[in-house]
Amino acid sequence: MVITDLAFAAPKNVTLTYQATRNGKPFANVTETFKQTGDQYLIESVTEGVGLAALFGKRILKSEGVVTNEGLQPKHFEQQQGDNERKAVYADFDWLANQLSMKNKGNVTTEPLAKGTQDVASFPYQWMLFPPKADEVSLPITTGKKQRIYSYKVIERDVSLTVDAGPFNTLHLSNASETSGGNEKEFWLAVERFYLPVKIIMREENGATIEQTLTSIHVD
């Protein structure tokens, strides 16, 4: 498979670290890595709790697959929470048969695999390859439990944002809507640093607000 110049121009190694707060109080540190070798990619996101949150163990997300002309094409996704296998979720992508297999609490469900489907670990890095240019972008995404279309609207362009990792010119996206019913997300993407996330805000159904801000960035 021939990979586009855009895919080759994108970074092959990315390491991002974030501080995460819940309702303004620090509760975790997040380290994300993206590695591309040839046309293969591997993404790993590790969340380590601080204080009492450390008792729940590390939360690890992994996505592996292929870089294609249309960006990232996941083959396998998994999410682990500490040593609790009952909290683990898995997704396997069969692109030849167009089937998505998801495993949660030992139960396996299979659904038709929508074209361009990402997992929750890979989709921010899809923007690294294909930056959001329109005022609204939509992606089919699986959490390992379900698959649905997520739409993000451009709230504002050229937003100056300074965090611990430095000053950035960002693009502000949000999927917040009056009918979203919680689980809303906002992203501030670094326009001049491959549209990597500088800041992420998540609003949960229980009313909690989780904010994740970039503390360091390494790209090559």
C-alpha atoms as a PDB file:
ATOM      1  CA  MET A   1       0.000   0.000   0.000  1.00  0.00           C
ATOM      2  CA  VAL A   2       1.330   3.422  -0.973  1.00  0.00           C
ATOM      3  CA  ILE A   3       1.291   5.933   1.877  1.00  0.00           C
ATOM      4  CA  THR A   4       0.651   9.576   1.062  1.00  0.00           C
ATOM      5  CA  ASP A   5       3.309  12.283   1.436  1.00  0.00           C
ATOM      6  CA  LEU A   6       1.183  13.708   4.256  1.00  0.00           C
ATOM      7  CA  ALA A   7       1.508  10.501   6.253  1.00  0.00           C
ATOM      8  CA  PHE A   8       5.268  10.485   5.715  1.00  0.00           C
ATOM      9  CA  ALA A   9       5.535  14.157   6.706  1.00  0.00           C
ATOM     10  CA  ALA A  10       3.809  13.563  10.046  1.00  0.00           C
ATOM     11  CA  PRO A  11       5.951  12.763  13.116  1.00  0.00           C
ATOM     12  CA  LYS A  12       7.075   9.180  13.639  1.00  0.00           C
ATOM     13  CA  ASN A  13       7.614   9.579  17.377  1.00  0.00           C
ATOM     14  CA  VAL A  14       5.498  11.677  19.715  1.00  0.00           C
ATOM     15  CA  THR A  15       5.553  11.815  23.513  1.00  0.00           C
ATOM     16  CA  LEU A  16       3.032  13.996  25.318  1.00  0.00           C
ATOM     17  CA  THR A  17       2.579  14.404  29.063  1.00  0.00           C
ATOM     18  CA  TYR A  18      -0.408  15.999  30.742  1.00  0.00           C
ATOM     19  CA  GLN A  19      -1.635  16.923  34.182  1.00  0.00           C
ATOM     20  CA  ALA A  20      -5.258  15.973  34.784  1.00  0.00           C
ATOM     21  CA  THR A  21      -7.548  17.686  37.275  1.00  0.00           C
ATOM     22  CA  ARG A  22     -11.069  16.807  38.390  1.00  0.00           C
ATOM     23  CA  ASN A  23     -13.141  19.827  39.364  1.00  0.00           C
ATOM     24  CA  GLY A  24      -9.907  21.812  39.646  1.00  0.00           C
ATOM     25  CA  LYS A  25      -7.995  19.338  41.836  1.00  0.00           C
ATOM     26  CA  PRO A  26      -5.022  17.328  40.449  1.00  0.00           C
ATOM     27  CA  PHE A  27      -5.776  13.614  40.350  1.00  0.00           C
ATOM     28  CA  ALA A  28      -3.587  12.063  37.642  1.00  0.00           C
ATOM     29  CA  ASN A  29      -0.661  12.382  35.258  1.00  0.00           C
ATOM     30  CA  VAL A  30      -1.034  11.143  31.685  1.00  0.00           C
ATOM     31  CA  THR A  31       1.743  10.034  29.327  1.00  0.00           C
ATOM     32  CA  GLU A  32       0.938   9.343  25.681  1.00  0.00           C
ATOM     33  CA  THR A  33       3.263   7.943  23.032  1.00  0.00           C
ATOM     34  CA  PHE A  34       2.793   7.554  19.285  1.00  0.00           C
ATOM     35  CA  LYS A  35       5.314   5.509  17.311  1.00  0.00           C
ATOM     36  CA  GLN A  36       5.296   4.768  13.596  1.00  0.00           C
ATOM     37  CA  THR A  37       7.600   2.133  12.109  1.00  0.00           C
ATOM     38  CA  GLY A  38       7.179   1.753   8.370  1.00  0.00           C
ATOM     39  CA  ASP A  39       3.420   1.725   7.881  1.00  0.00           C
ATOM     40  CA  GLN A  40       2.721   0.321  11.363  1.00  0.00           C
ATOM     41  CA  TYR A  41       1.740   2.496  14.324  1.00  0.00           C
ATOM     42  CA  LEU A  42       1.449   1.943  18.067  1.00  0.00           C
ATOM     43  CA  ILE A  43      -0.225   4.341  20.491  1.00  0.00           C
ATOM     44  CA  GLU A  44      -0.114   3.967  24.264  1.00  0.00           C
ATOM     45  CA  SER A  45      -1.774   6.216  26.834  1.00  0.00           C
ATOM     46  CA  VAL A  46      -0.967   5.665  30.520  1.00  0.00           C
ATOM     47  CA  THR A  47      -2.860   7.473  33.278  1.00  0.00           C
ATOM     48  CA  GLU A  48      -1.338   7.270  36.757  1.00  0.00           C
ATOM     49  CA  GLY A  49      -3.437   8.535  39.629  1.00  0.00           C
ATOM     50  CA  VAL A  50      -2.013  10.741  42.360  1.00  0.00           C
ATOM     51  CA  GLY A  51      -3.059  10.599  45.986  1.00  0.00           C
ATOM     52  CA  LEU A  52      -6.083   8.393  46.611  1.00  0.00           C
ATOM     53  CA  ALA A  53      -6.621   7.985  42.868  1.00  0.00           C
ATOM     54  CA  ALA A  54      -3.399   5.937  42.717  1.00  0.00           C
ATOM     55  CA  LEU A  55      -5.215   3.121  44.542  1.00  0.00           C
ATOM     56  CA  PHE A  56      -7.203   2.331  41.387  1.00  0.00           C
ATOM     57  CA  GLY A  57      -4.050   1.382  39.459  1.00  0.00           C
ATOM     58  CA  LYS A  58      -2.860   2.593  36.083  1.00  0.00           C
ATOM     59  CA  ARG A  59      -5.322   3.113  33.252  1.00  0.00           C
ATOM     60  CA  ILE A  60      -3.689   1.962  30.021  1.00  0.00           C
ATOM     61  CA  LEU A  61      -5.057   2.426  26.512  1.00  0.00           C
ATOM     62  CA  LYS A  62      -3.352   0.835  23.512  1.00  0.00           C
ATOM     63  CA  SER A  63      -4.094   1.121  19.818  1.00  0.00           C
ATOM     64  CA  GLU A  64      -2.143  -0.569  17.058  1.00  0.00           C
ATOM     65  CA  GLY A  65      -2.671  -0.673  13.339  1.00  0.00           C
ATOM     66  CA  VAL A  66      -1.585   0.645   9.960  1.00  0.00           C
ATOM     67  CA  VAL A  67      -1.013   4.096   8.484  1.00  0.00           C
ATOM     68  CA  THR A  68      -2.834   4.253   5.136  1.00  0.00           C
ATOM     69  CA  ASN A  69      -3.767   6.820   2.509  1.00  0.00           C
ATOM     70  CA  GLU A  70      -6.791   7.656   4.676  1.00  0.00           C
ATOM     71  CA  GLY A  71      -4.836   7.955   7.898  1.00  0.00           C
ATOM     72  CA  LEU A  72      -4.797   5.567  10.816  1.00  0.00           C
ATOM     73  CA  GLN A  73      -6.482   2.191  10.392  1.00  0.00           C
ATOM     74  CA  PRO A  74      -6.655   0.461  13.794  1.00  0.00           C
ATOM     75  CA  LYS A  75      -6.345  -3.306  14.049  1.00  0.00           C
ATOM     76  CA  HIS A  76      -6.599  -3.758  17.812  1.00  0.00           C
ATOM     77  CA  PHE A  77      -7.570  -1.574  20.773  1.00  0.00           C
ATOM     78  CA  GLU A  78      -7.597  -2.351  24.470  1.00  0.00           C
ATOM     79  CA  GLN A  79      -8.172  -0.520  27.714  1.00  0.00           C
ATOM     80  CA  GLN A  80      -6.972  -1.852  31.077  1.00  0.00           C
ATOM     81  CA  GLN A  81      -7.691  -0.492  34.550  1.00  0.00           C
ATOM     82  CA  GLY A  82      -5.183  -1.804  37.084  1.00  0.00           C
ATOM     83  CA  ASP A  83      -5.329  -5.585  37.426  1.00  0.00           C
ATOM     84  CA  ASN A  84      -9.123  -5.738  37.185  1.00  0.00           C
ATOM     85  CA  GLU A  85      -9.832  -7.810  34.075  1.00  0.00           C
ATOM     86  CA  ARG A  86     -13.576  -7.179  34.439  1.00  0.00           C
ATOM     87  CA  LYS A  87     -12.906  -3.530  33.663  1.00  0.00           C
ATOM     88  CA  ALA A  88     -10.879  -4.347  30.550  1.00  0.00           C
ATOM     89  CA  VAL A  89     -12.357  -3.697  27.107  1.00  0.00           C
ATOM     90  CA  TYR A  90     -11.090  -4.797  23.709  1.00  0.00           C
ATOM     91  CA  ALA A  91     -11.874  -4.046  20.083  1.00  0.00           C
ATOM     92  CA  ASP A  92     -10.640  -5.869  16.998  1.00  0.00           C
ATOM     93  CA  PHE A  93     -11.050  -4.433  13.507  1.00  0.00           C
ATOM     94  CA  ASP A  94     -11.541  -6.800  10.556  1.00  0.00           C
ATOM     95  CA  TRP A  95     -11.294  -4.433   7.608  1.00  0.00           C
ATOM     96  CA  LEU A  96     -11.564  -7.182   4.984  1.00  0.00           C
ATOM     97  CA  ALA A  97     -14.875  -8.410   6.399  1.00  0.00           C
ATOM     98  CA  ASN A  98     -15.899  -4.896   7.587  1.00  0.00           C
ATOM     99  CA  GLN A  99     -16.619  -6.205  11.071  1.00  0.00           C
ATOM    100  CA  LEU A 100     -15.869  -4.723  14.487  1.00  0.00           C
ATOM    101  CA  SER A 101     -15.620  -7.125  17.409  1.00  0.00           C
ATOM    102  CA  MET A 102     -15.903  -5.626  20.906  1.00  0.00           C
ATOM    103  CA  LYS A 103     -15.315  -7.478  24.185  1.00  0.00           C
ATOM    104  CA  ASN A 104     -16.527  -6.089  27.504  1.00  0.00           C
ATOM    105  CA  LYS A 105     -16.879  -8.051  30.769  1.00  0.00           C
ATOM    106  CA  GLY A 106     -16.378 -11.265  28.827  1.00  0.00           C
ATOM    107  CA  ASN A 107     -19.227 -10.503  26.421  1.00  0.00           C
ATOM    108  CA  VAL A 108     -18.398 -10.195  22.730  1.00  0.00           C
ATOM    109  CA  THR A 109     -20.506  -8.167  20.313  1.00  0.00           C
ATOM    110  CA  THR A 110     -19.960  -7.780  16.583  1.00  0.00           C
ATOM    111  CA  GLU A 111     -21.114  -4.840  14.483  1.00  0.00           C
ATOM    112  CA  PRO A 112     -20.563  -3.639  10.913  1.00  0.00           C
ATOM    113  CA  LEU A 113     -17.324  -1.662  10.771  1.00  0.00           C
ATOM    114  CA  ALA A 114     -17.889   1.848   9.445  1.00  0.00           C
ATOM    115  CA  LYS A 115     -15.322   3.252   7.034  1.00  0.00           C
ATOM    116  CA  GLY A 116     -12.656   5.283   8.809  1.00  0.00           C
ATOM    117  CA  THR A 117     -13.539   4.055  12.312  1.00  0.00           C
ATOM    118  CA  GLN A 118     -11.069   5.053  15.017  1.00  0.00           C
ATOM    119  CA  ASP A 119     -10.768   4.046  18.666  1.00  0.00           C
ATOM    120  CA  VAL A 120     -10.604   6.432  21.615  1.00  0.00           C
ATOM    121  CA  ALA A 121      -6.792   6.260  21.680  1.00  0.00           C
ATOM    122  CA  SER A 122      -6.206   6.758  17.946  1.00  0.00           C
ATOM    123  CA  PHE A 123      -8.661   9.461  16.920  1.00  0.00           C
ATOM    124  CA  PRO A 124      -6.689  12.496  18.183  1.00  0.00           C
ATOM    125  CA  TYR A 125      -3.729  11.286  16.118  1.00  0.00           C
ATOM    126  CA  GLN A 126      -5.933  10.993  13.044  1.00  0.00           C
ATOM    127  CA  TRP A 127      -6.129  14.803  13.256  1.00  0.00           C
ATOM    128  CA  MET A 128      -2.314  14.844  13.203  1.00  0.00           C
ATOM    129  CA  LEU A 129      -2.487  13.266   9.733  1.00  0.00           C
ATOM    130  CA  PHE A 130      -5.655  14.987   8.513  1.00  0.00           C
ATOM    131  CA  PRO A 131      -6.159  18.279  10.381  1.00  0.00           C
ATOM    132  CA  PRO A 132      -9.735  19.546  10.807  1.00  0.00           C
ATOM    133  CA  LYS A 133     -10.221  22.048   7.983  1.00  0.00           C
ATOM    134  CA  ALA A 134     -14.007  22.287   7.810  1.00  0.00           C
ATOM    135  CA  ASP A 135     -16.137  23.968  10.478  1.00  0.00           C
ATOM    136  CA  GLU A 136     -17.416  20.547  11.554  1.00  0.00           C
ATOM    137  CA  VAL A 137     -15.689  17.167  11.466  1.00  0.00           C
ATOM    138  CA  SER A 138     -17.218  13.763  12.131  1.00  0.00           C
ATOM    139  CA  LEU A 139     -15.564  10.463  12.967  1.00  0.00           C
ATOM    140  CA  PRO A 140     -16.910   6.990  13.743  1.00  0.00           C
ATOM    141  CA  ILE A 141     -15.230   6.005  17.024  1.00  0.00           C
ATOM    142  CA  THR A 142     -15.375   2.892  19.184  1.00  0.00           C
ATOM    143  CA  THR A 143     -14.805   2.877  22.938  1.00  0.00           C
ATOM    144  CA  GLY A 144     -14.553  -0.919  22.968  1.00  0.00           C
ATOM    145  CA  LYS A 145     -18.097  -0.990  24.330  1.00  0.00           C
ATOM    146  CA  LYS A 146     -19.934   0.770  21.521  1.00  0.00           C
ATOM    147  CA  GLN A 147     -19.397   2.454  18.164  1.00  0.00           C
ATOM    148  CA  ARG A 148     -20.974   5.716  17.086  1.00  0.00           C
ATOM    149  CA  ILE A 149     -20.374   8.906  15.127  1.00  0.00           C
ATOM    150  CA  TYR A 150     -18.769  11.753  17.051  1.00  0.00           C
ATOM    151  CA  SER A 151     -19.050  15.242  15.552  1.00  0.00           C
ATOM    152  CA  TYR A 152     -16.865  18.168  16.540  1.00  0.00           C
ATOM    153  CA  LYS A 153     -17.486  21.791  15.665  1.00  0.00           C
ATOM    154  CA  VAL A 154     -14.856  24.484  15.347  1.00  0.00           C
ATOM    155  CA  ILE A 155     -15.603  26.965  18.130  1.00  0.00           C
ATOM    156  CA  GLU A 156     -12.714  29.334  17.458  1.00  0.00           C
ATOM    157  CA  ARG A 157      -9.530  29.471  15.389  1.00  0.00           C
ATOM    158  CA  ASP A 158      -6.153  31.025  16.270  1.00  0.00           C
ATOM    159  CA  VAL A 159      -6.661  30.814  20.022  1.00  0.00           C
ATOM    160  CA  SER A 160      -3.514  31.752  21.969  1.00  0.00           C
ATOM    161  CA  LEU A 161      -3.084  29.342  24.850  1.00  0.00           C
ATOM    162  CA  THR A 162      -0.198  29.094  27.316  1.00  0.00           C
ATOM    163  CA  VAL A 163       0.265  25.934  29.391  1.00  0.00           C
ATOM    164  CA  ASP A 164       3.246  24.368  31.199  1.00  0.00           C
ATOM    165  CA  ALA A 165       4.562  23.030  27.871  1.00  0.00           C
ATOM    166  CA  GLY A 166       4.650  26.566  26.462  1.00  0.00           C
ATOM    167  CA  PRO A 167       2.588  28.977  24.347  1.00  0.00           C
ATOM    168  CA  PHE A 168       0.571  27.573  21.458  1.00  0.00           C
ATOM    169  CA  ASN A 169      -1.652  28.797  18.653  1.00  0.00           C
ATOM    170  CA  THR A 170      -4.650  26.474  18.891  1.00  0.00           C
ATOM    171  CA  LEU A 171      -7.841  25.385  17.184  1.00  0.00           C
ATOM    172  CA  HIS A 172     -10.747  24.982  19.606  1.00  0.00           C
ATOM    173  CA  LEU A 173     -13.142  22.088  18.911  1.00  0.00           C
ATOM    174  CA  SER A 174     -16.168  20.946  20.885  1.00  0.00           C
ATOM    175  CA  ASN A 175     -18.794  18.223  20.633  1.00  0.00           C
ATOM    176  CA  ALA A 176     -20.939  19.895  23.298  1.00  0.00           C
ATOM    177  CA  SER A 177     -24.611  20.209  22.379  1.00  0.00           C
ATOM    178  CA  GLU A 178     -27.910  20.682  24.118  1.00  0.00           C
ATOM    179  CA  THR A 179     -28.800  17.038  23.472  1.00  0.00           C
ATOM    180  CA  SER A 180     -25.451  15.418  24.290  1.00  0.00           C
ATOM    181  CA  GLY A 181     -26.529  14.429  27.805  1.00  0.00           C
ATOM    182  CA  GLY A 182     -23.050  14.660  29.313  1.00  0.00           C
ATOM    183  CA  ASN A 183     -19.777  13.061  28.266  1.00  0.00           C
ATOM    184  CA  GLU A 184     -18.933  16.228  26.369  1.00  0.00           C
ATOM    185  CA  LYS A 185     -15.392  16.955  25.174  1.00  0.00           C
ATOM    186  CA  GLU A 186     -13.515  20.017  24.061  1.00  0.00           C
ATOM    187  CA  PHE A 187     -10.099  20.029  22.394  1.00  0.00           C
ATOM    188  CA  TRP A 188      -7.518  22.756  21.859  1.00  0.00           C
ATOM    189  CA  LEU A 189      -5.197  21.529  19.090  1.00  0.00           C
ATOM    190  CA  ALA A 190      -1.726  22.978  18.457  1.00  0.00           C
ATOM    191  CA  VAL A 191      -1.965  24.332  14.904  1.00  0.00           C
ATOM    192  CA  GLU A 192       1.806  24.605  14.429  1.00  0.00           C
ATOM    193  CA  ARG A 193       2.612  21.342  16.227  1.00  0.00           C
ATOM    194  CA  PHE A 194       0.760  18.847  14.048  1.00  0.00           C
ATOM    195  CA  TYR A 195      -2.620  19.580  15.668  1.00  0.00           C
ATOM    196  CA  LEU A 196      -1.675  17.625  18.785  1.00  0.00           C
ATOM    197  CA  PRO A 197      -3.950  18.236  21.796  1.00  0.00           C
ATOM    198  CA  VAL A 198      -2.743  20.969  24.152  1.00  0.00           C
ATOM    199  CA  LYS A 199      -5.809  20.994  26.375  1.00  0.00           C
ATOM    200  CA  ILE A 200      -8.793  18.680  26.728  1.00  0.00           C
ATOM    201  CA  ILE A 201     -11.895  19.252  28.836  1.00  0.00           C
ATOM    202  CA  MET A 202     -14.317  16.405  29.539  1.00  0.00           C
ATOM    203  CA  ARG A 203     -17.667  16.927  31.216  1.00  0.00           C
ATOM    204  CA  GLU A 204     -19.105  13.707  32.612  1.00  0.00           C
ATOM    205  CA  GLU A 205     -22.720  12.715  33.126  1.00  0.00           C
ATOM    206  CA  ASN A 206     -22.301  13.023  36.910  1.00  0.00           C
ATOM    207  CA  GLY A 207     -21.401  16.694  36.491  1.00  0.00           C
ATOM    208  CA  ALA A 208     -17.653  16.340  37.084  1.00  0.00           C
ATOM    209  CA  THR A 209     -15.264  18.330  34.889  1.00  0.00           C
ATOM    210  CA  ILE A 210     -11.931  16.770  33.985  1.00  0.00           C
ATOM    211  CA  GLU A 211      -9.291  19.029  32.482  1.00  0.00           C
ATOM    212  CA  GLN A 212      -6.121  17.691  30.879  1.00  0.00           C
ATOM    213  CA  THR A 213      -3.345  20.192  30.054  1.00  0.00           C
ATOM    214  CA  LEU A 214      -0.033  19.614  28.297  1.00  0.00           C
ATOM    215  CA  THR A 215       3.069  19.748  30.488  1.00  0.00           C
ATOM    216  CA  SER A 216       5.669  18.555  27.967  1.00  0.00           C
ATOM    217  CA  ILE A 217       5.891  17.657  24.275  1.00  0.00           C
ATOM    218  CA  HIS A 218       8.532  15.795  22.278  1.00  0.00           C
ATOM    219  CA  VAL A 219       8.133  15.286  18.535  1.00  0.00           C
ATOM    220  CA  ASP A 220      10.476  13.862  15.944  1.00  0.00           C
END
